[in-house]
Amino acid sequence: MNTNNEIKKGEEHYICLGGCRGVSKVPGVCQTEGCANHNHELVRCYCTDGLHNDFKPVQK
């Protein structure tokens, strides 16, 4: 997973809601050891400001 700075604003990305604040350009699972959501699916984030909606689940 990447850090927030590697994702461009408005670019499709996926985040972990388990506390590690991981961000990925591709769908998958959290790979951060010790994270509460380790091996859980990442959530697609639709933010355009790079703040990831304060890492709260996106309402569809």
PDB file of N, CA and C in Angstrom:
ATOM      1  N   MET A   1       0.845  -1.190   0.000  1.00  0.00           N
ATOM      2  CA  MET A   1       0.000   0.000   0.000  1.00  0.00           C
ATOM      3  C   MET A   1       0.879   1.239   0.000  1.00  0.00           C
ATOM      4  N   ASN A   2       0.309   2.291  -0.446  1.00  0.00           N
ATOM      5  CA  ASN A   2       1.032   3.545  -0.591  1.00  0.00           C
ATOM      6  C   ASN A   2       0.660   4.526   0.506  1.00  0.00           C
ATOM      7  N   THR A   3       1.409   5.611   0.538  1.00  0.00           N
ATOM      8  CA  THR A   3       1.055   6.706   1.430  1.00  0.00           C
ATOM      9  C   THR A   3       0.126   7.653   0.696  1.00  0.00           C
ATOM     10  N   ASN A   4      -0.568   8.491   1.418  1.00  0.00           N
ATOM     11  CA  ASN A   4      -1.516   9.433   0.825  1.00  0.00           C
ATOM     12  C   ASN A   4      -0.867  10.301  -0.249  1.00  0.00           C
ATOM     13  N   ASN A   5       0.384  10.646  -0.116  1.00  0.00           N
ATOM     14  CA  ASN A   5       1.048  11.558  -1.034  1.00  0.00           C
ATOM     15  C   ASN A   5       1.255  10.968  -2.424  1.00  0.00           C
ATOM     16  N   GLU A   6       1.160   9.649  -2.582  1.00  0.00           N
ATOM     17  CA  GLU A   6       1.401   9.017  -3.863  1.00  0.00           C
ATOM     18  C   GLU A   6       0.136   8.919  -4.705  1.00  0.00           C
ATOM     19  N   ILE A   7      -1.015   9.269  -4.157  1.00  0.00           N
ATOM     20  CA  ILE A   7      -2.279   9.229  -4.875  1.00  0.00           C
ATOM     21  C   ILE A   7      -2.623  10.649  -5.306  1.00  0.00           C
ATOM     22  N   LYS A   8      -2.845  10.842  -6.601  1.00  0.00           N
ATOM     23  CA  LYS A   8      -3.200  12.163  -7.108  1.00  0.00           C
ATOM     24  C   LYS A   8      -4.658  12.451  -6.802  1.00  0.00           C
ATOM     25  N   LYS A   9      -4.971  13.703  -6.594  1.00  0.00           N
ATOM     26  CA  LYS A   9      -6.350  14.106  -6.306  1.00  0.00           C
ATOM     27  C   LYS A   9      -7.269  13.680  -7.443  1.00  0.00           C
ATOM     28  N   GLY A  10      -8.383  13.044  -7.094  1.00  0.00           N
ATOM     29  CA  GLY A  10      -9.352  12.592  -8.075  1.00  0.00           C
ATOM     30  C   GLY A  10      -9.029  11.253  -8.704  1.00  0.00           C
ATOM     31  N   GLU A  11      -7.856  10.704  -8.423  1.00  0.00           N
ATOM     32  CA  GLU A  11      -7.461   9.420  -8.977  1.00  0.00           C
ATOM     33  C   GLU A  11      -8.179   8.288  -8.235  1.00  0.00           C
ATOM     34  N   GLU A  12      -8.646   7.269  -8.965  1.00  0.00           N
ATOM     35  CA  GLU A  12      -9.308   6.136  -8.325  1.00  0.00           C
ATOM     36  C   GLU A  12      -8.351   5.484  -7.340  1.00  0.00           C
ATOM     37  N   HIS A  13      -8.842   5.213  -6.134  1.00  0.00           N
ATOM     38  CA  HIS A  13      -7.989   4.601  -5.127  1.00  0.00           C
ATOM     39  C   HIS A  13      -8.824   3.869  -4.089  1.00  0.00           C
ATOM     40  N   TYR A  14      -8.160   3.077  -3.274  1.00  0.00           N
ATOM     41  CA  TYR A  14      -8.796   2.233  -2.270  1.00  0.00           C
ATOM     42  C   TYR A  14      -8.082   2.462  -0.952  1.00  0.00           C
ATOM     43  N   ILE A  15      -8.863   2.485   0.139  1.00  0.00           N
ATOM     44  CA  ILE A  15      -8.283   2.775   1.447  1.00  0.00           C
ATOM     45  C   ILE A  15      -8.635   1.695   2.457  1.00  0.00           C
ATOM     46  N   CYS A  16      -7.823   1.608   3.490  1.00  0.00           N
ATOM     47  CA  CYS A  16      -8.081   0.704   4.603  1.00  0.00           C
ATOM     48  C   CYS A  16      -8.727   1.502   5.726  1.00  0.00           C
ATOM     49  N   LEU A  17      -9.788   0.961   6.281  1.00  0.00           N
ATOM     50  CA  LEU A  17     -10.494   1.638   7.380  1.00  0.00           C
ATOM     51  C   LEU A  17     -10.098   1.071   8.737  1.00  0.00           C
ATOM     52  N   GLY A  18      -9.033   0.282   8.785  1.00  0.00           N
ATOM     53  CA  GLY A  18      -8.652  -0.399  10.013  1.00  0.00           C
ATOM     54  C   GLY A  18      -7.674   0.326  10.900  1.00  0.00           C
ATOM     55  N   GLY A  19      -7.281   1.523  10.542  1.00  0.00           N
ATOM     56  CA  GLY A  19      -6.395   2.281  11.407  1.00  0.00           C
ATOM     57  C   GLY A  19      -5.003   2.498  10.850  1.00  0.00           C
ATOM     58  N   CYS A  20      -4.577   1.703   9.870  1.00  0.00           N
ATOM     59  CA  CYS A  20      -3.225   1.879   9.322  1.00  0.00           C
ATOM     60  C   CYS A  20      -3.159   3.026   8.327  1.00  0.00           C
ATOM     61  N   ARG A  21      -4.331   3.480   7.848  1.00  0.00           N
ATOM     62  CA  ARG A  21      -4.462   4.577   6.894  1.00  0.00           C
ATOM     63  C   ARG A  21      -3.796   4.260   5.558  1.00  0.00           C
ATOM     64  N   GLY A  22      -3.781   2.973   5.195  1.00  0.00           N
ATOM     65  CA  GLY A  22      -3.193   2.538   3.934  1.00  0.00           C
ATOM     66  C   GLY A  22      -4.031   2.966   2.743  1.00  0.00           C
ATOM     67  N   VAL A  23      -3.340   3.254   1.634  1.00  0.00           N
ATOM     68  CA  VAL A  23      -3.982   3.667   0.392  1.00  0.00           C
ATOM     69  C   VAL A  23      -3.356   2.873  -0.748  1.00  0.00           C
ATOM     70  N   SER A  24      -4.199   2.419  -1.681  1.00  0.00           N
ATOM     71  CA  SER A  24      -3.713   1.640  -2.810  1.00  0.00           C
ATOM     72  C   SER A  24      -4.378   2.115  -4.088  1.00  0.00           C
ATOM     73  N   LYS A  25      -3.661   2.022  -5.210  1.00  0.00           N
ATOM     74  CA  LYS A  25      -4.231   2.362  -6.505  1.00  0.00           C
ATOM     75  C   LYS A  25      -5.041   1.205  -7.079  1.00  0.00           C
ATOM     76  N   VAL A  26      -4.924   0.036  -6.503  1.00  0.00           N
ATOM     77  CA  VAL A  26      -5.628  -1.150  -7.002  1.00  0.00           C
ATOM     78  C   VAL A  26      -6.441  -1.783  -5.875  1.00  0.00           C
ATOM     79  N   PRO A  27      -7.573  -2.438  -6.207  1.00  0.00           N
ATOM     80  CA  PRO A  27      -8.350  -3.119  -5.169  1.00  0.00           C
ATOM     81  C   PRO A  27      -7.543  -4.272  -4.600  1.00  0.00           C
ATOM     82  N   GLY A  28      -7.882  -4.647  -3.386  1.00  0.00           N
ATOM     83  CA  GLY A  28      -7.193  -5.755  -2.735  1.00  0.00           C
ATOM     84  C   GLY A  28      -7.532  -5.802  -1.269  1.00  0.00           C
ATOM     85  N   VAL A  29      -6.625  -6.349  -0.491  1.00  0.00           N
ATOM     86  CA  VAL A  29      -6.813  -6.450   0.951  1.00  0.00           C
ATOM     87  C   VAL A  29      -5.689  -5.707   1.655  1.00  0.00           C
ATOM     88  N   CYS A  30      -5.937  -5.320   2.908  1.00  0.00           N
ATOM     89  CA  CYS A  30      -4.907  -4.653   3.711  1.00  0.00           C
ATOM     90  C   CYS A  30      -3.792  -5.650   4.001  1.00  0.00           C
ATOM     91  N   GLN A  31      -2.578  -5.245   3.746  1.00  0.00           N
ATOM     92  CA  GLN A  31      -1.424  -6.105   3.964  1.00  0.00           C
ATOM     93  C   GLN A  31      -0.549  -5.618   5.111  1.00  0.00           C
ATOM     94  N   THR A  32      -1.039  -4.648   5.881  1.00  0.00           N
ATOM     95  CA  THR A  32      -0.259  -4.078   6.968  1.00  0.00           C
ATOM     96  C   THR A  32      -0.391  -4.940   8.217  1.00  0.00           C
ATOM     97  N   GLU A  33       0.710  -5.546   8.633  1.00  0.00           N
ATOM     98  CA  GLU A  33       0.719  -6.351   9.851  1.00  0.00           C
ATOM     99  C   GLU A  33       0.332  -5.474  11.042  1.00  0.00           C
ATOM    100  N   GLY A  34      -0.488  -5.978  11.923  1.00  0.00           N
ATOM    101  CA  GLY A  34      -0.890  -5.253  13.115  1.00  0.00           C
ATOM    102  C   GLY A  34      -2.103  -4.356  12.921  1.00  0.00           C
ATOM    103  N   CYS A  35      -2.558  -4.188  11.686  1.00  0.00           N
ATOM    104  CA  CYS A  35      -3.742  -3.376  11.426  1.00  0.00           C
ATOM    105  C   CYS A  35      -4.987  -4.166  11.820  1.00  0.00           C
ATOM    106  N   ALA A  36      -5.984  -3.492  12.363  1.00  0.00           N
ATOM    107  CA  ALA A  36      -7.231  -4.145  12.762  1.00  0.00           C
ATOM    108  C   ALA A  36      -7.935  -4.793  11.571  1.00  0.00           C
ATOM    109  N   ASN A  37      -7.702  -4.287  10.349  1.00  0.00           N
ATOM    110  CA  ASN A  37      -8.338  -4.829   9.150  1.00  0.00           C
ATOM    111  C   ASN A  37      -7.362  -5.604   8.270  1.00  0.00           C
ATOM    112  N   HIS A  38      -6.294  -6.127   8.850  1.00  0.00           N
ATOM    113  CA  HIS A  38      -5.329  -6.924   8.090  1.00  0.00           C
ATOM    114  C   HIS A  38      -6.068  -8.054   7.375  1.00  0.00           C
ATOM    115  N   ASN A  39      -5.819  -8.210   6.075  1.00  0.00           N
ATOM    116  CA  ASN A  39      -6.457  -9.207   5.206  1.00  0.00           C
ATOM    117  C   ASN A  39      -7.928  -8.923   4.917  1.00  0.00           C
ATOM    118  N   HIS A  40      -8.440  -7.746   5.263  1.00  0.00           N
ATOM    119  CA  HIS A  40      -9.807  -7.354   4.912  1.00  0.00           C
ATOM    120  C   HIS A  40      -9.761  -6.506   3.641  1.00  0.00           C
ATOM    121  N   GLU A  41     -10.859  -6.537   2.878  1.00  0.00           N
ATOM    122  CA  GLU A  41     -10.938  -5.784   1.622  1.00  0.00           C
ATOM    123  C   GLU A  41     -10.754  -4.287   1.856  1.00  0.00           C
ATOM    124  N   LEU A  42     -10.036  -3.657   0.933  1.00  0.00           N
ATOM    125  CA  LEU A  42      -9.920  -2.205   0.931  1.00  0.00           C
ATOM    126  C   LEU A  42     -11.219  -1.627   0.381  1.00  0.00           C
ATOM    127  N   VAL A  43     -11.548  -0.405   0.773  1.00  0.00           N
ATOM    128  CA  VAL A  43     -12.776   0.267   0.380  1.00  0.00           C
ATOM    129  C   VAL A  43     -12.455   1.299  -0.691  1.00  0.00           C
ATOM    130  N   ARG A  44     -13.230   1.289  -1.781  1.00  0.00           N
ATOM    131  CA  ARG A  44     -13.011   2.288  -2.823  1.00  0.00           C
ATOM    132  C   ARG A  44     -13.356   3.665  -2.270  1.00  0.00           C
ATOM    133  N   CYS A  45     -12.489   4.620  -2.529  1.00  0.00           N
ATOM    134  CA  CYS A  45     -12.678   5.983  -2.047  1.00  0.00           C
ATOM    135  C   CYS A  45     -12.895   6.894  -3.241  1.00  0.00           C
ATOM    136  N   TYR A  46     -13.903   7.742  -3.144  1.00  0.00           N
ATOM    137  CA  TYR A  46     -14.254   8.639  -4.238  1.00  0.00           C
ATOM    138  C   TYR A  46     -13.861  10.086  -3.954  1.00  0.00           C
ATOM    139  N   CYS A  47     -13.011  10.319  -2.980  1.00  0.00           N
ATOM    140  CA  CYS A  47     -12.663  11.696  -2.631  1.00  0.00           C
ATOM    141  C   CYS A  47     -11.909  12.371  -3.765  1.00  0.00           C
ATOM    142  N   THR A  48     -12.025  13.677  -3.827  1.00  0.00           N
ATOM    143  CA  THR A  48     -11.298  14.461  -4.821  1.00  0.00           C
ATOM    144  C   THR A  48     -10.317  15.421  -4.171  1.00  0.00           C
ATOM    145  N   ASP A  49     -10.279  15.416  -2.833  1.00  0.00           N
ATOM    146  CA  ASP A  49      -9.413  16.354  -2.124  1.00  0.00           C
ATOM    147  C   ASP A  49      -8.203  15.687  -1.473  1.00  0.00           C
ATOM    148  N   GLY A  50      -8.073  14.361  -1.621  1.00  0.00           N
ATOM    149  CA  GLY A  50      -6.944  13.653  -1.041  1.00  0.00           C
ATOM    150  C   GLY A  50      -7.074  13.394   0.442  1.00  0.00           C
ATOM    151  N   LEU A  51      -8.212  13.758   1.041  1.00  0.00           N
ATOM    152  CA  LEU A  51      -8.399  13.576   2.484  1.00  0.00           C
ATOM    153  C   LEU A  51      -9.136  12.278   2.811  1.00  0.00           C
ATOM    154  N   HIS A  52      -9.613  11.577   1.800  1.00  0.00           N
ATOM    155  CA  HIS A  52     -10.262  10.270   1.964  1.00  0.00           C
ATOM    156  C   HIS A  52     -11.447  10.311   2.899  1.00  0.00           C
ATOM    157  N   ASN A  53     -12.201  11.413   2.860  1.00  0.00           N
ATOM    158  CA  ASN A  53     -13.402  11.553   3.677  1.00  0.00           C
ATOM    159  C   ASN A  53     -13.133  11.218   5.148  1.00  0.00           C
ATOM    160  N   ASP A  54     -11.978  11.635   5.625  1.00  0.00           N
ATOM    161  CA  ASP A  54     -11.539  11.353   6.998  1.00  0.00           C
ATOM    162  C   ASP A  54     -11.559   9.858   7.297  1.00  0.00           C
ATOM    163  N   PHE A  55     -11.363   9.041   6.253  1.00  0.00           N
ATOM    164  CA  PHE A  55     -11.294   7.579   6.362  1.00  0.00           C
ATOM    165  C   PHE A  55     -12.573   6.985   6.940  1.00  0.00           C
ATOM    166  N   LYS A  56     -13.699   7.605   6.641  1.00  0.00           N
ATOM    167  CA  LYS A  56     -14.993   7.056   7.031  1.00  0.00           C
ATOM    168  C   LYS A  56     -15.585   6.349   5.826  1.00  0.00           C
ATOM    169  N   PRO A  57     -16.390   5.310   6.024  1.00  0.00           N
ATOM    170  CA  PRO A  57     -16.977   4.614   4.872  1.00  0.00           C
ATOM    171  C   PRO A  57     -17.755   5.585   3.982  1.00  0.00           C
ATOM    172  N   VAL A  58     -17.606   5.414   2.680  1.00  0.00           N
ATOM    173  CA  VAL A  58     -18.283   6.268   1.706  1.00  0.00           C
ATOM    174  C   VAL A  58     -19.733   5.819   1.582  1.00  0.00           C
ATOM    175  N   GLN A  59     -20.665   6.766   1.600  1.00  0.00           N
ATOM    176  CA  GLN A  59     -22.075   6.471   1.413  1.00  0.00           C
ATOM    177  C   GLN A  59     -22.345   6.320  -0.075  1.00  0.00           C
ATOM    178  N   LYS A  60     -23.038   5.259  -0.464  1.00  0.00           N
ATOM    179  CA  LYS A  60     -23.333   5.034  -1.880  1.00  0.00           C
ATOM    180  C   LYS A  60     -24.751   5.404  -2.187  1.00  0.00           C
TER     181      LYS A  60
END
